[in-house]
N, C-alpha and C. Protein backbone atom coordinates (compact mmCIF):
# COMPACT_ATOMS: atom_id res chain seq x y z
N MET A 1 95.41 245.93 -36.51
CA MET A 1 94.80 246.89 -35.63
C MET A 1 95.42 248.25 -35.91
N ALA A 2 94.64 249.25 -36.18
CA ALA A 2 95.13 250.58 -36.48
C ALA A 2 95.59 251.28 -35.22
N ASP A 3 96.58 252.15 -35.37
CA ASP A 3 97.13 252.90 -34.24
C ASP A 3 96.48 254.28 -34.19
N TYR A 4 95.35 254.39 -33.49
CA TYR A 4 94.66 255.67 -33.34
C TYR A 4 94.92 256.29 -31.98
N ALA A 5 95.28 255.49 -31.02
CA ALA A 5 95.36 255.94 -29.63
C ALA A 5 96.50 256.92 -29.38
N SER A 6 97.56 256.82 -30.12
CA SER A 6 98.73 257.63 -29.82
C SER A 6 98.53 259.11 -30.13
N GLY A 7 97.66 259.43 -31.08
CA GLY A 7 97.45 260.82 -31.44
C GLY A 7 98.62 261.42 -32.22
N MET A 8 99.55 260.59 -32.61
CA MET A 8 100.72 261.07 -33.36
C MET A 8 100.58 260.73 -34.83
N ILE A 9 101.22 261.52 -35.66
CA ILE A 9 101.22 261.30 -37.10
C ILE A 9 102.56 260.70 -37.48
N THR A 10 102.52 259.68 -38.33
CA THR A 10 103.74 259.07 -38.86
C THR A 10 103.93 259.57 -40.28
N ALA A 11 105.15 259.96 -40.60
CA ALA A 11 105.48 260.38 -41.97
C ALA A 11 106.82 259.76 -42.34
N PHE A 12 107.01 259.55 -43.63
CA PHE A 12 108.25 259.00 -44.16
C PHE A 12 108.84 260.05 -45.10
N VAL A 13 110.08 260.39 -44.87
CA VAL A 13 110.75 261.39 -45.70
C VAL A 13 111.85 260.69 -46.49
N LEU A 14 111.69 260.70 -47.81
CA LEU A 14 112.70 260.14 -48.71
C LEU A 14 113.69 261.25 -49.01
N VAL A 15 114.95 261.01 -48.77
CA VAL A 15 115.98 262.03 -48.93
C VAL A 15 116.95 261.62 -50.02
N GLU A 16 117.13 262.50 -50.98
CA GLU A 16 118.17 262.32 -51.99
C GLU A 16 119.33 263.20 -51.56
N ALA A 17 120.54 262.64 -51.57
CA ALA A 17 121.69 263.36 -51.05
C ALA A 17 122.90 263.21 -51.96
N ARG A 18 123.84 264.12 -51.79
CA ARG A 18 125.11 263.98 -52.48
C ARG A 18 125.80 262.73 -51.95
N PRO A 19 126.42 261.94 -52.81
CA PRO A 19 127.05 260.70 -52.36
C PRO A 19 128.06 260.90 -51.24
N ASP A 20 128.81 261.97 -51.28
CA ASP A 20 129.82 262.20 -50.26
C ASP A 20 129.24 262.65 -48.92
N ALA A 21 127.94 262.94 -48.86
CA ALA A 21 127.32 263.43 -47.64
C ALA A 21 126.47 262.38 -46.92
N ILE A 22 126.18 261.28 -47.57
CA ILE A 22 125.23 260.30 -47.02
C ILE A 22 125.64 259.80 -45.63
N ALA A 23 126.89 259.42 -45.46
CA ALA A 23 127.33 258.85 -44.18
C ALA A 23 127.16 259.84 -43.03
N ASP A 24 127.36 261.12 -43.27
CA ASP A 24 127.21 262.12 -42.21
C ASP A 24 125.76 262.55 -42.02
N LEU A 25 124.97 262.47 -43.06
CA LEU A 25 123.57 262.91 -42.98
C LEU A 25 122.70 262.02 -42.12
N ALA A 26 122.86 260.72 -42.23
CA ALA A 26 121.97 259.81 -41.49
C ALA A 26 121.99 260.08 -39.99
N PRO A 27 123.15 260.17 -39.34
CA PRO A 27 123.14 260.47 -37.91
C PRO A 27 122.60 261.87 -37.61
N SER A 28 122.88 262.83 -38.48
CA SER A 28 122.37 264.19 -38.28
C SER A 28 120.86 264.23 -38.35
N ILE A 29 120.28 263.51 -39.29
CA ILE A 29 118.82 263.45 -39.42
C ILE A 29 118.22 262.76 -38.20
N ALA A 30 118.84 261.69 -37.74
CA ALA A 30 118.32 260.93 -36.60
C ALA A 30 118.27 261.76 -35.33
N GLU A 31 119.09 262.78 -35.22
CA GLU A 31 119.13 263.63 -34.03
C GLU A 31 118.06 264.72 -34.01
N ILE A 32 117.37 264.93 -35.11
CA ILE A 32 116.36 265.98 -35.20
C ILE A 32 115.13 265.59 -34.39
N VAL A 33 114.63 266.52 -33.60
CA VAL A 33 113.43 266.27 -32.81
C VAL A 33 112.27 265.97 -33.76
N GLY A 34 111.58 264.88 -33.51
CA GLY A 34 110.48 264.44 -34.36
C GLY A 34 110.85 263.30 -35.28
N VAL A 35 112.15 263.09 -35.46
CA VAL A 35 112.62 261.96 -36.28
C VAL A 35 112.80 260.77 -35.36
N ARG A 36 112.08 259.71 -35.67
CA ARG A 36 112.16 258.49 -34.85
C ARG A 36 113.31 257.59 -35.29
N GLU A 37 113.54 257.53 -36.61
CA GLU A 37 114.59 256.67 -37.16
C GLU A 37 115.10 257.29 -38.46
N ALA A 38 116.34 256.98 -38.79
CA ALA A 38 116.90 257.34 -40.09
C ALA A 38 117.62 256.11 -40.64
N HIS A 39 117.38 255.82 -41.92
CA HIS A 39 117.95 254.62 -42.53
C HIS A 39 118.65 254.99 -43.83
N SER A 40 119.79 254.38 -44.07
CA SER A 40 120.44 254.45 -45.37
C SER A 40 119.79 253.36 -46.21
N VAL A 41 119.33 253.70 -47.41
CA VAL A 41 118.61 252.73 -48.24
C VAL A 41 119.16 252.71 -49.66
N ALA A 42 118.85 251.66 -50.38
CA ALA A 42 119.27 251.51 -51.76
C ALA A 42 118.04 251.36 -52.64
N GLY A 43 118.15 251.83 -53.86
CA GLY A 43 117.06 251.69 -54.82
C GLY A 43 116.48 253.03 -55.21
N GLY A 44 116.32 253.23 -56.47
CA GLY A 44 115.74 254.48 -56.95
C GLY A 44 116.65 255.67 -56.65
N ASP A 45 116.03 256.82 -56.46
CA ASP A 45 116.78 258.04 -56.19
C ASP A 45 116.90 258.34 -54.70
N THR A 46 116.36 257.46 -53.87
CA THR A 46 116.37 257.69 -52.43
C THR A 46 117.65 257.14 -51.81
N ASP A 47 118.32 257.98 -51.03
CA ASP A 47 119.53 257.58 -50.34
C ASP A 47 119.29 257.32 -48.86
N LEU A 48 118.38 258.11 -48.28
CA LEU A 48 118.07 258.00 -46.85
C LEU A 48 116.56 258.05 -46.66
N LEU A 49 116.09 257.36 -45.64
CA LEU A 49 114.68 257.37 -45.29
C LEU A 49 114.57 257.77 -43.83
N ALA A 50 113.82 258.83 -43.55
CA ALA A 50 113.58 259.26 -42.18
C ALA A 50 112.15 258.93 -41.81
N VAL A 51 111.96 258.36 -40.63
CA VAL A 51 110.63 258.05 -40.11
C VAL A 51 110.32 259.10 -39.05
N LEU A 52 109.25 259.86 -39.26
CA LEU A 52 108.85 260.91 -38.33
C LEU A 52 107.65 260.46 -37.51
N ARG A 53 107.61 260.85 -36.25
CA ARG A 53 106.42 260.69 -35.38
C ARG A 53 106.24 262.04 -34.71
N VAL A 54 105.23 262.75 -35.16
CA VAL A 54 105.00 264.12 -34.70
C VAL A 54 103.53 264.33 -34.36
N PRO A 55 103.22 265.39 -33.60
CA PRO A 55 101.84 265.58 -33.15
C PRO A 55 100.88 266.12 -34.21
N ASP A 56 101.38 266.80 -35.23
CA ASP A 56 100.47 267.39 -36.22
C ASP A 56 101.19 267.65 -37.54
N HIS A 57 100.40 268.07 -38.54
CA HIS A 57 100.95 268.31 -39.88
C HIS A 57 101.93 269.47 -39.89
N ALA A 58 101.70 270.47 -39.06
CA ALA A 58 102.62 271.61 -39.00
C ALA A 58 104.01 271.15 -38.56
N ALA A 59 104.06 270.18 -37.66
CA ALA A 59 105.34 269.65 -37.20
C ALA A 59 106.07 268.92 -38.33
N ILE A 60 105.32 268.25 -39.19
CA ILE A 60 105.95 267.59 -40.35
C ILE A 60 106.62 268.65 -41.22
N ALA A 61 105.88 269.71 -41.50
CA ALA A 61 106.43 270.79 -42.33
C ALA A 61 107.68 271.38 -41.69
N ASP A 62 107.65 271.58 -40.40
CA ASP A 62 108.79 272.15 -39.70
C ASP A 62 110.00 271.22 -39.76
N VAL A 63 109.81 269.95 -39.44
CA VAL A 63 110.92 269.00 -39.44
C VAL A 63 111.53 268.90 -40.84
N VAL A 64 110.69 268.81 -41.85
CA VAL A 64 111.20 268.61 -43.21
C VAL A 64 111.83 269.88 -43.77
N THR A 65 111.09 270.99 -43.75
CA THR A 65 111.58 272.20 -44.43
C THR A 65 112.58 273.00 -43.62
N GLU A 66 112.43 273.00 -42.31
CA GLU A 66 113.33 273.80 -41.49
C GLU A 66 114.56 273.04 -41.02
N HIS A 67 114.50 271.73 -41.05
CA HIS A 67 115.62 270.95 -40.51
C HIS A 67 116.25 270.01 -41.54
N ILE A 68 115.50 269.01 -42.01
CA ILE A 68 116.10 268.03 -42.92
C ILE A 68 116.56 268.67 -44.22
N ALA A 69 115.70 269.41 -44.88
CA ALA A 69 116.04 269.97 -46.20
C ALA A 69 117.19 270.97 -46.15
N ARG A 70 117.44 271.55 -44.99
CA ARG A 70 118.51 272.55 -44.85
C ARG A 70 119.86 271.96 -44.50
N LEU A 71 119.91 270.67 -44.25
CA LEU A 71 121.20 270.04 -43.93
C LEU A 71 122.11 270.05 -45.15
N PRO A 72 123.40 270.36 -44.96
CA PRO A 72 124.33 270.33 -46.08
C PRO A 72 124.40 268.93 -46.70
N GLY A 73 124.28 268.87 -48.00
CA GLY A 73 124.34 267.59 -48.71
C GLY A 73 123.00 267.06 -49.14
N VAL A 74 121.89 267.61 -48.60
CA VAL A 74 120.56 267.17 -49.01
C VAL A 74 120.23 267.82 -50.35
N SER A 75 119.93 267.00 -51.35
CA SER A 75 119.57 267.50 -52.68
C SER A 75 118.07 267.72 -52.81
N SER A 76 117.28 266.80 -52.26
CA SER A 76 115.83 266.93 -52.32
C SER A 76 115.18 266.01 -51.29
N THR A 77 113.91 266.32 -50.99
CA THR A 77 113.14 265.47 -50.09
C THR A 77 111.77 265.21 -50.70
N ARG A 78 111.19 264.12 -50.28
CA ARG A 78 109.83 263.77 -50.69
C ARG A 78 109.16 263.15 -49.48
N THR A 79 108.00 263.67 -49.11
CA THR A 79 107.36 263.25 -47.87
C THR A 79 106.07 262.49 -48.15
N MET A 80 105.90 261.38 -47.42
CA MET A 80 104.67 260.59 -47.48
C MET A 80 104.11 260.52 -46.07
N ILE A 81 102.81 260.75 -45.93
CA ILE A 81 102.15 260.73 -44.63
C ILE A 81 101.33 259.45 -44.53
N ALA A 82 101.48 258.74 -43.41
CA ALA A 82 100.73 257.50 -43.18
C ALA A 82 99.32 257.84 -42.70
N PHE A 83 98.32 257.21 -43.29
CA PHE A 83 96.94 257.37 -42.84
C PHE A 83 96.69 256.50 -41.62
N ARG A 84 97.17 255.27 -41.67
CA ARG A 84 97.03 254.32 -40.57
C ARG A 84 98.33 253.57 -40.42
N SER A 85 98.63 253.19 -39.19
CA SER A 85 99.85 252.43 -38.92
C SER A 85 99.48 251.08 -38.33
N TYR A 86 100.19 250.05 -38.75
CA TYR A 86 99.96 248.69 -38.28
C TYR A 86 101.30 248.09 -37.89
N SER A 87 101.28 247.24 -36.89
CA SER A 87 102.48 246.51 -36.54
C SER A 87 102.08 245.11 -36.08
N SER A 88 103.00 244.17 -36.20
CA SER A 88 102.69 242.80 -35.76
C SER A 88 102.47 242.76 -34.26
N GLU A 89 103.15 243.63 -33.50
CA GLU A 89 102.95 243.69 -32.05
C GLU A 89 101.51 244.09 -31.71
N GLN A 90 100.97 245.06 -32.44
CA GLN A 90 99.60 245.50 -32.20
C GLN A 90 98.62 244.39 -32.55
N LEU A 91 98.87 243.70 -33.65
CA LEU A 91 97.98 242.62 -34.05
C LEU A 91 98.02 241.49 -33.03
N ASP A 92 99.21 241.15 -32.56
CA ASP A 92 99.34 240.10 -31.54
C ASP A 92 98.61 240.50 -30.26
N ALA A 93 98.74 241.75 -29.84
CA ALA A 93 98.08 242.22 -28.62
C ALA A 93 96.56 242.17 -28.75
N GLY A 94 96.06 242.40 -29.95
CA GLY A 94 94.62 242.38 -30.19
C GLY A 94 94.01 240.99 -30.01
N TYR A 95 94.82 239.95 -30.19
CA TYR A 95 94.35 238.58 -30.06
C TYR A 95 94.82 237.90 -28.79
N GLU A 96 95.49 238.67 -27.92
CA GLU A 96 96.01 238.10 -26.68
C GLU A 96 94.89 237.52 -25.83
N GLY A 97 95.08 236.30 -25.36
CA GLY A 97 94.09 235.65 -24.50
C GLY A 97 93.07 234.80 -25.25
N PHE A 98 92.99 234.94 -26.60
CA PHE A 98 92.06 234.13 -27.36
C PHE A 98 92.70 232.78 -27.67
N GLY A 99 91.97 231.74 -27.48
CA GLY A 99 92.44 230.39 -27.82
C GLY A 99 93.41 229.79 -26.83
N ASP A 100 93.60 230.44 -25.70
CA ASP A 100 94.52 229.90 -24.69
C ASP A 100 93.83 228.84 -23.86
């Protein structure tokens, strides 16, 4: 079931950082308004992954360029915008009451 009702946009920001800055960056990113979660990750050139939930595309630009990218230790960012969001909770709710 797609998440259209919330009116919010989900974006994922892949952050490449200096190795000595990663531990301090994750909590700093998580505190930024519009960032729902921040994760330390392994694989490829990505060190941190930030999950954004914001009202519009302008807010994505603001969070990424004015806040995340300016943090000391951030080398680069790459942003992906979700077209549709799905979760197992939403799928379960969609079938609630059937077959009972």
